[in-house]
Amino acid sequence: MIIPKIAVGDTLSLKKKHPCGSFDFEVLRVGSDIRIVCRGCGRDLTLPREKLEKAIRRIRHPESAEGAESGIEGGTP
């Protein structure tokens, strides 16, 4: 099982889209529950870490200038 490294400021692309049509969410808080905000409409969500980890397709970390990505499916970047 792959445990993704999630940090505040990361952008998560999820497998299912939000009702507004966006797949991207920004991480606001990390812990046993993770607080995210939709990049499309600004809606704020708090989800259990286990549930969110299953829904992640891609993680984009802001600290790299190239926009490094971590892929979850199949363990490929």
PDB file of N, CA and C in Angstrom:
ATOM      1  N   MET A   1       0.844  -1.187   0.000  1.00  0.00           N
ATOM      2  CA  MET A   1       0.000   0.000   0.000  1.00  0.00           C
ATOM      3  C   MET A   1       0.883   1.242   0.000  1.00  0.00           C
ATOM      4  N   ILE A   2       0.566   2.174  -0.858  1.00  0.00           N
ATOM      5  CA  ILE A   2       1.319   3.419  -0.971  1.00  0.00           C
ATOM      6  C   ILE A   2       0.681   4.466  -0.069  1.00  0.00           C
ATOM      7  N   ILE A   3       1.503   5.068   0.792  1.00  0.00           N
ATOM      8  CA  ILE A   3       1.010   6.137   1.664  1.00  0.00           C
ATOM      9  C   ILE A   3       1.503   7.461   1.083  1.00  0.00           C
ATOM     10  N   PRO A   4       0.592   8.269   0.538  1.00  0.00           N
ATOM     11  CA  PRO A   4       1.013   9.530  -0.075  1.00  0.00           C
ATOM     12  C   PRO A   4       1.431  10.566   0.960  1.00  0.00           C
ATOM     13  N   LYS A   5       2.424  11.369   0.602  1.00  0.00           N
ATOM     14  CA  LYS A   5       2.870  12.479   1.441  1.00  0.00           C
ATOM     15  C   LYS A   5       2.031  13.702   1.072  1.00  0.00           C
ATOM     16  N   ILE A   6       1.175  14.111   1.992  1.00  0.00           N
ATOM     17  CA  ILE A   6       0.291  15.253   1.764  1.00  0.00           C
ATOM     18  C   ILE A   6       0.706  16.361   2.718  1.00  0.00           C
ATOM     19  N   ALA A   7       0.883  17.574   2.196  1.00  0.00           N
ATOM     20  CA  ALA A   7       1.286  18.714   3.010  1.00  0.00           C
ATOM     21  C   ALA A   7       0.384  19.910   2.699  1.00  0.00           C
ATOM     22  N   VAL A   8       0.353  20.854   3.618  1.00  0.00           N
ATOM     23  CA  VAL A   8      -0.427  22.079   3.419  1.00  0.00           C
ATOM     24  C   VAL A   8       0.107  22.807   2.187  1.00  0.00           C
ATOM     25  N   GLY A   9      -0.798  23.226   1.321  1.00  0.00           N
ATOM     26  CA  GLY A   9      -0.424  23.937   0.105  1.00  0.00           C
ATOM     27  C   GLY A   9      -0.397  23.055  -1.132  1.00  0.00           C
ATOM     28  N   ASP A  10      -0.407  21.732  -0.962  1.00  0.00           N
ATOM     29  CA  ASP A  10      -0.429  20.822  -2.106  1.00  0.00           C
ATOM     30  C   ASP A  10      -1.767  20.933  -2.832  1.00  0.00           C
ATOM     31  N   THR A  11      -1.759  20.642  -4.123  1.00  0.00           N
ATOM     32  CA  THR A  11      -2.981  20.576  -4.907  1.00  0.00           C
ATOM     33  C   THR A  11      -3.246  19.116  -5.227  1.00  0.00           C
ATOM     34  N   LEU A  12      -4.437  18.635  -4.870  1.00  0.00           N
ATOM     35  CA  LEU A  12      -4.822  17.253  -5.100  1.00  0.00           C
ATOM     36  C   LEU A  12      -5.793  17.182  -6.264  1.00  0.00           C
ATOM     37  N   SER A  13      -5.546  16.262  -7.191  1.00  0.00           N
ATOM     38  CA  SER A  13      -6.504  15.963  -8.243  1.00  0.00           C
ATOM     39  C   SER A  13      -7.187  14.673  -7.831  1.00  0.00           C
ATOM     40  N   LEU A  14      -8.500  14.709  -7.709  1.00  0.00           N
ATOM     41  CA  LEU A  14      -9.250  13.555  -7.247  1.00  0.00           C
ATOM     42  C   LEU A  14      -9.828  12.765  -8.419  1.00  0.00           C
ATOM     43  N   LYS A  15     -10.222  11.517  -8.148  1.00  0.00           N
ATOM     44  CA  LYS A  15     -10.762  10.643  -9.186  1.00  0.00           C
ATOM     45  C   LYS A  15     -12.147  11.079  -9.647  1.00  0.00           C
ATOM     46  N   LYS A  16     -12.956  11.586  -8.721  1.00  0.00           N
ATOM     47  CA  LYS A  16     -14.292  12.073  -9.061  1.00  0.00           C
ATOM     48  C   LYS A  16     -14.314  13.587  -8.964  1.00  0.00           C
ATOM     49  N   LYS A  17     -15.083  14.223  -9.840  1.00  0.00           N
ATOM     50  CA  LYS A  17     -15.127  15.682  -9.799  1.00  0.00           C
ATOM     51  C   LYS A  17     -16.150  16.188  -8.794  1.00  0.00           C
ATOM     52  N   HIS A  18     -15.917  17.394  -8.329  1.00  0.00           N
ATOM     53  CA  HIS A  18     -16.813  18.102  -7.419  1.00  0.00           C
ATOM     54  C   HIS A  18     -18.058  18.489  -8.226  1.00  0.00           C
ATOM     55  N   PRO A  19     -19.190  18.694  -7.598  1.00  0.00           N
ATOM     56  CA  PRO A  19     -20.396  19.094  -8.347  1.00  0.00           C
ATOM     57  C   PRO A  19     -20.222  20.341  -9.221  1.00  0.00           C
ATOM     58  N   CYS A  20     -19.249  21.197  -8.890  1.00  0.00           N
ATOM     59  CA  CYS A  20     -19.010  22.390  -9.715  1.00  0.00           C
ATOM     60  C   CYS A  20     -18.251  22.044 -10.989  1.00  0.00           C
ATOM     61  N   GLY A  21     -17.684  20.821 -11.066  1.00  0.00           N
ATOM     62  CA  GLY A  21     -16.971  20.388 -12.266  1.00  0.00           C
ATOM     63  C   GLY A  21     -15.465  20.341 -12.128  1.00  0.00           C
ATOM     64  N   SER A  22     -14.921  20.781 -11.016  1.00  0.00           N
ATOM     65  CA  SER A  22     -13.470  20.808 -10.814  1.00  0.00           C
ATOM     66  C   SER A  22     -12.981  19.501 -10.186  1.00  0.00           C
ATOM     67  N   PHE A  23     -11.791  19.057 -10.589  1.00  0.00           N
ATOM     68  CA  PHE A  23     -11.152  17.883 -10.003  1.00  0.00           C
ATOM     69  C   PHE A  23     -10.095  18.286  -8.970  1.00  0.00           C
ATOM     70  N   ASP A  24      -9.694  19.566  -8.934  1.00  0.00           N
ATOM     71  CA  ASP A  24      -8.564  20.031  -8.127  1.00  0.00           C
ATOM     72  C   ASP A  24      -8.985  20.660  -6.809  1.00  0.00           C
ATOM     73  N   PHE A  25      -8.249  20.293  -5.750  1.00  0.00           N
ATOM     74  CA  PHE A  25      -8.483  20.796  -4.409  1.00  0.00           C
ATOM     75  C   PHE A  25      -7.154  21.177  -3.780  1.00  0.00           C
ATOM     76  N   GLU A  26      -7.140  22.245  -2.986  1.00  0.00           N
ATOM     77  CA  GLU A  26      -5.938  22.678  -2.275  1.00  0.00           C
ATOM     78  C   GLU A  26      -6.041  22.243  -0.818  1.00  0.00           C
ATOM     79  N   VAL A  27      -4.931  21.750  -0.260  1.00  0.00           N
ATOM     80  CA  VAL A  27      -4.893  21.269   1.120  1.00  0.00           C
ATOM     81  C   VAL A  27      -4.708  22.456   2.063  1.00  0.00           C
ATOM     82  N   LEU A  28      -5.614  22.589   3.055  1.00  0.00           N
ATOM     83  CA  LEU A  28      -5.544  23.661   4.047  1.00  0.00           C
ATOM     84  C   LEU A  28      -5.014  23.182   5.396  1.00  0.00           C
ATOM     85  N   ARG A  29      -5.332  21.913   5.766  1.00  0.00           N
ATOM     86  CA  ARG A  29      -4.914  21.380   7.062  1.00  0.00           C
ATOM     87  C   ARG A  29      -4.708  19.878   6.928  1.00  0.00           C
ATOM     88  N   VAL A  30      -3.673  19.374   7.616  1.00  0.00           N
ATOM     89  CA  VAL A  30      -3.348  17.952   7.559  1.00  0.00           C
ATOM     90  C   VAL A  30      -3.341  17.386   8.964  1.00  0.00           C
ATOM     91  N   GLY A  31      -3.903  16.197   9.109  1.00  0.00           N
ATOM     92  CA  GLY A  31      -3.951  15.491  10.386  1.00  0.00           C
ATOM     93  C   GLY A  31      -4.685  14.189  10.148  1.00  0.00           C
ATOM     94  N   SER A  32      -5.387  13.679  11.153  1.00  0.00           N
ATOM     95  CA  SER A  32      -6.188  12.475  10.929  1.00  0.00           C
ATOM     96  C   SER A  32      -7.359  12.792  10.002  1.00  0.00           C
ATOM     97  N   ASP A  33      -7.807  14.041  10.024  1.00  0.00           N
ATOM     98  CA  ASP A  33      -8.757  14.572   9.044  1.00  0.00           C
ATOM     99  C   ASP A  33      -7.995  15.589   8.207  1.00  0.00           C
ATOM    100  N   ILE A  34      -8.323  15.677   6.926  1.00  0.00           N
ATOM    101  CA  ILE A  34      -7.654  16.621   6.032  1.00  0.00           C
ATOM    102  C   ILE A  34      -8.680  17.609   5.518  1.00  0.00           C
ATOM    103  N   ARG A  35      -8.353  18.896   5.649  1.00  0.00           N
ATOM    104  CA  ARG A  35      -9.245  19.959   5.193  1.00  0.00           C
ATOM    105  C   ARG A  35      -8.766  20.440   3.837  1.00  0.00           C
ATOM    106  N   ILE A  36      -9.680  20.427   2.862  1.00  0.00           N
ATOM    107  CA  ILE A  36      -9.358  20.842   1.499  1.00  0.00           C
ATOM    108  C   ILE A  36     -10.378  21.877   1.027  1.00  0.00           C
ATOM    109  N   VAL A  37      -9.980  22.652   0.032  1.00  0.00           N
ATOM    110  CA  VAL A  37     -10.889  23.637  -0.557  1.00  0.00           C
ATOM    111  C   VAL A  37     -10.880  23.425  -2.073  1.00  0.00           C
ATOM    112  N   CYS A  38     -12.067  23.457  -2.668  1.00  0.00           N
ATOM    113  CA  CYS A  38     -12.218  23.269  -4.107  1.00  0.00           C
ATOM    114  C   CYS A  38     -11.596  24.449  -4.843  1.00  0.00           C
ATOM    115  N   ARG A  39     -10.794  24.169  -5.868  1.00  0.00           N
ATOM    116  CA  ARG A  39     -10.154  25.231  -6.649  1.00  0.00           C
ATOM    117  C   ARG A  39     -11.134  25.856  -7.640  1.00  0.00           C
ATOM    118  N   GLY A  40     -12.268  25.206  -7.866  1.00  0.00           N
ATOM    119  CA  GLY A  40     -13.260  25.732  -8.804  1.00  0.00           C
ATOM    120  C   GLY A  40     -14.225  26.707  -8.153  1.00  0.00           C
ATOM    121  N   CYS A  41     -14.856  26.290  -7.037  1.00  0.00           N
ATOM    122  CA  CYS A  41     -15.905  27.116  -6.434  1.00  0.00           C
ATOM    123  C   CYS A  41     -15.557  27.633  -5.037  1.00  0.00           C
ATOM    124  N   GLY A  42     -14.476  27.130  -4.429  1.00  0.00           N
ATOM    125  CA  GLY A  42     -14.085  27.613  -3.112  1.00  0.00           C
ATOM    126  C   GLY A  42     -14.746  26.902  -1.949  1.00  0.00           C
ATOM    127  N   ARG A  43     -15.474  25.844  -2.227  1.00  0.00           N
ATOM    128  CA  ARG A  43     -16.145  25.086  -1.167  1.00  0.00           C
ATOM    129  C   ARG A  43     -15.114  24.396  -0.277  1.00  0.00           C
ATOM    130  N   ASP A  44     -15.353  24.418   1.021  1.00  0.00           N
ATOM    131  CA  ASP A  44     -14.437  23.895   2.024  1.00  0.00           C
ATOM    132  C   ASP A  44     -14.930  22.532   2.513  1.00  0.00           C
ATOM    133  N   LEU A  45     -14.051  21.516   2.526  1.00  0.00           N
ATOM    134  CA  LEU A  45     -14.420  20.168   2.955  1.00  0.00           C
ATOM    135  C   LEU A  45     -13.420  19.635   3.970  1.00  0.00           C
ATOM    136  N   THR A  46     -13.876  18.861   4.926  1.00  0.00           N
ATOM    137  CA  THR A  46     -13.004  18.141   5.845  1.00  0.00           C
ATOM    138  C   THR A  46     -13.348  16.669   5.720  1.00  0.00           C
ATOM    139  N   LEU A  47     -12.340  15.875   5.337  1.00  0.00           N
ATOM    140  CA  LEU A  47     -12.544  14.445   5.097  1.00  0.00           C
ATOM    141  C   LEU A  47     -11.568  13.625   5.927  1.00  0.00           C
ATOM    142  N   PRO A  48     -11.963  12.415   6.330  1.00  0.00           N
ATOM    143  CA  PRO A  48     -11.020  11.524   7.006  1.00  0.00           C
ATOM    144  C   PRO A  48      -9.864  11.181   6.057  1.00  0.00           C
ATOM    145  N   ARG A  49      -8.652  11.098   6.590  1.00  0.00           N
ATOM    146  CA  ARG A  49      -7.462  10.832   5.786  1.00  0.00           C
ATOM    147  C   ARG A  49      -7.617   9.560   4.940  1.00  0.00           C
ATOM    148  N   GLU A  50      -8.112   8.471   5.524  1.00  0.00           N
ATOM    149  CA  GLU A  50      -8.248   7.202   4.804  1.00  0.00           C
ATOM    150  C   GLU A  50      -9.136   7.337   3.573  1.00  0.00           C
ATOM    151  N   LYS A  51     -10.258   8.013   3.723  1.00  0.00           N
ATOM    152  CA  LYS A  51     -11.192   8.189   2.610  1.00  0.00           C
ATOM    153  C   LYS A  51     -10.574   9.061   1.517  1.00  0.00           C
ATOM    154  N   LEU A  52      -9.896  10.143   1.908  1.00  0.00           N
ATOM    155  CA  LEU A  52      -9.300  11.047   0.929  1.00  0.00           C
ATOM    156  C   LEU A  52      -8.157  10.369   0.180  1.00  0.00           C
ATOM    157  N   GLU A  53      -7.317   9.589   0.876  1.00  0.00           N
ATOM    158  CA  GLU A  53      -6.191   8.919   0.227  1.00  0.00           C
ATOM    159  C   GLU A  53      -6.660   7.985  -0.888  1.00  0.00           C
ATOM    160  N   LYS A  54      -7.811   7.346  -0.719  1.00  0.00           N
ATOM    161  CA  LYS A  54      -8.351   6.456  -1.746  1.00  0.00           C
ATOM    162  C   LYS A  54      -8.858   7.234  -2.959  1.00  0.00           C
ATOM    163  N   ALA A  55      -9.221   8.490  -2.772  1.00  0.00           N
ATOM    164  CA  ALA A  55      -9.811   9.293  -3.841  1.00  0.00           C
ATOM    165  C   ALA A  55      -8.786  10.098  -4.637  1.00  0.00           C
ATOM    166  N   ILE A  56      -7.516  10.102  -4.213  1.00  0.00           N
ATOM    167  CA  ILE A  56      -6.498  10.926  -4.870  1.00  0.00           C
ATOM    168  C   ILE A  56      -5.988  10.261  -6.138  1.00  0.00           C
ATOM    169  N   ARG A  57      -5.915  11.034  -7.203  1.00  0.00           N
ATOM    170  CA  ARG A  57      -5.316  10.571  -8.451  1.00  0.00           C
ATOM    171  C   ARG A  57      -3.897  11.125  -8.589  1.00  0.00           C
ATOM    172  N   ARG A  58      -3.687  12.396  -8.227  1.00  0.00           N
ATOM    173  CA  ARG A  58      -2.388  13.043  -8.412  1.00  0.00           C
ATOM    174  C   ARG A  58      -2.184  14.099  -7.335  1.00  0.00           C
ATOM    175  N   ILE A  59      -0.934  14.274  -6.885  1.00  0.00           N
ATOM    176  CA  ILE A  59      -0.587  15.315  -5.918  1.00  0.00           C
ATOM    177  C   ILE A  59       0.441  16.228  -6.570  1.00  0.00           C
ATOM    178  N   ARG A  60       0.164  17.527  -6.565  1.00  0.00           N
ATOM    179  CA  ARG A  60       1.116  18.512  -7.081  1.00  0.00           C
ATOM    180  C   ARG A  60       1.653  19.319  -5.906  1.00  0.00           C
ATOM    181  N   HIS A  61       2.980  19.322  -5.758  1.00  0.00           N
ATOM    182  CA  HIS A  61       3.639  20.037  -4.668  1.00  0.00           C
ATOM    183  C   HIS A  61       4.070  21.425  -5.150  1.00  0.00           C
ATOM    184  N   PRO A  62       3.765  22.478  -4.399  1.00  0.00           N
ATOM    185  CA  PRO A  62       4.060  23.846  -4.855  1.00  0.00           C
ATOM    186  C   PRO A  62       5.527  24.254  -4.755  1.00  0.00           C
ATOM    187  N   GLU A  63       6.354  23.591  -3.920  1.00  0.00           N
ATOM    188  CA  GLU A  63       7.715  24.053  -3.685  1.00  0.00           C
ATOM    189  C   GLU A  63       8.650  23.875  -4.865  1.00  0.00           C
ATOM    190  N   SER A  64       8.321  23.028  -5.823  1.00  0.00           N
ATOM    191  CA  SER A  64       9.201  22.849  -6.974  1.00  0.00           C
ATOM    192  C   SER A  64       8.733  23.741  -8.120  1.00  0.00           C
ATOM    193  N   ALA A  65       9.690  24.364  -8.787  1.00  0.00           N
ATOM    194  CA  ALA A  65       9.376  25.292  -9.873  1.00  0.00           C
ATOM    195  C   ALA A  65       8.774  24.569 -11.076  1.00  0.00           C
ATOM    196  N   GLU A  66       9.121  23.288 -11.282  1.00  0.00           N
ATOM    197  CA  GLU A  66       8.626  22.543 -12.424  1.00  0.00           C
ATOM    198  C   GLU A  66       7.217  22.018 -12.207  1.00  0.00           C
ATOM    199  N   GLY A  67       6.681  22.121 -11.002  1.00  0.00           N
ATOM    200  CA  GLY A  67       5.355  21.595 -10.706  1.00  0.00           C
ATOM    201  C   GLY A  67       5.393  20.079 -10.596  1.00  0.00           C
ATOM    202  N   ALA A  68       6.298  19.557  -9.768  1.00  0.00           N
ATOM    203  CA  ALA A  68       6.464  18.117  -9.621  1.00  0.00           C
ATOM    204  C   ALA A  68       5.150  17.480  -9.199  1.00  0.00           C
ATOM    205  N   GLU A  69       4.917  16.296  -9.722  1.00  0.00           N
ATOM    206  CA  GLU A  69       3.676  15.591  -9.433  1.00  0.00           C
ATOM    207  C   GLU A  69       3.995  14.222  -8.863  1.00  0.00           C
ATOM    208  N   SER A  70       3.122  13.738  -8.018  1.00  0.00           N
ATOM    209  CA  SER A  70       3.212  12.372  -7.514  1.00  0.00           C
ATOM    210  C   SER A  70       1.956  11.646  -7.938  1.00  0.00           C
ATOM    211  N   GLY A  71       2.128  10.592  -8.697  1.00  0.00           N
ATOM    212  CA  GLY A  71       0.977   9.791  -9.109  1.00  0.00           C
ATOM    213  C   GLY A  71       0.672   8.740  -8.066  1.00  0.00           C
ATOM    214  N   ILE A  72      -0.582   8.436  -7.862  1.00  0.00           N
ATOM    215  CA  ILE A  72      -0.974   7.448  -6.879  1.00  0.00           C
ATOM    216  C   ILE A  72      -1.268   6.114  -7.561  1.00  0.00           C
ATOM    217  N   GLU A  73      -1.961   6.131  -8.682  1.00  0.00           N
ATOM    218  CA  GLU A  73      -2.352   4.892  -9.345  1.00  0.00           C
ATOM    219  C   GLU A  73      -1.124   4.200  -9.913  1.00  0.00           C
ATOM    220  N   GLY A  74      -0.897   2.977  -9.502  1.00  0.00           N
ATOM    221  CA  GLY A  74       0.210   2.198 -10.008  1.00  0.00           C
ATOM    222  C   GLY A  74       1.567   2.633  -9.489  1.00  0.00           C
ATOM    223  N   GLY A  75       1.618   3.660  -8.669  1.00  0.00           N
ATOM    224  CA  GLY A  75       2.870   4.120  -8.086  1.00  0.00           C
ATOM    225  C   GLY A  75       3.793   4.812  -9.074  1.00  0.00           C
ATOM    226  N   THR A  76       3.279   5.320 -10.205  1.00  0.00           N
ATOM    227  CA  THR A  76       4.124   5.999 -11.181  1.00  0.00           C
ATOM    228  C   THR A  76       3.922   7.496 -11.080  1.00  0.00           C
ATOM    229  N   PRO A  77       4.985   8.266 -11.283  1.00  0.00           N
ATOM    230  CA  PRO A  77       4.868   9.737 -11.223  1.00  0.00           C
ATOM    231  C   PRO A  77       4.168  10.316 -12.404  1.00  0.00           C
TER     232      PRO A  77
END
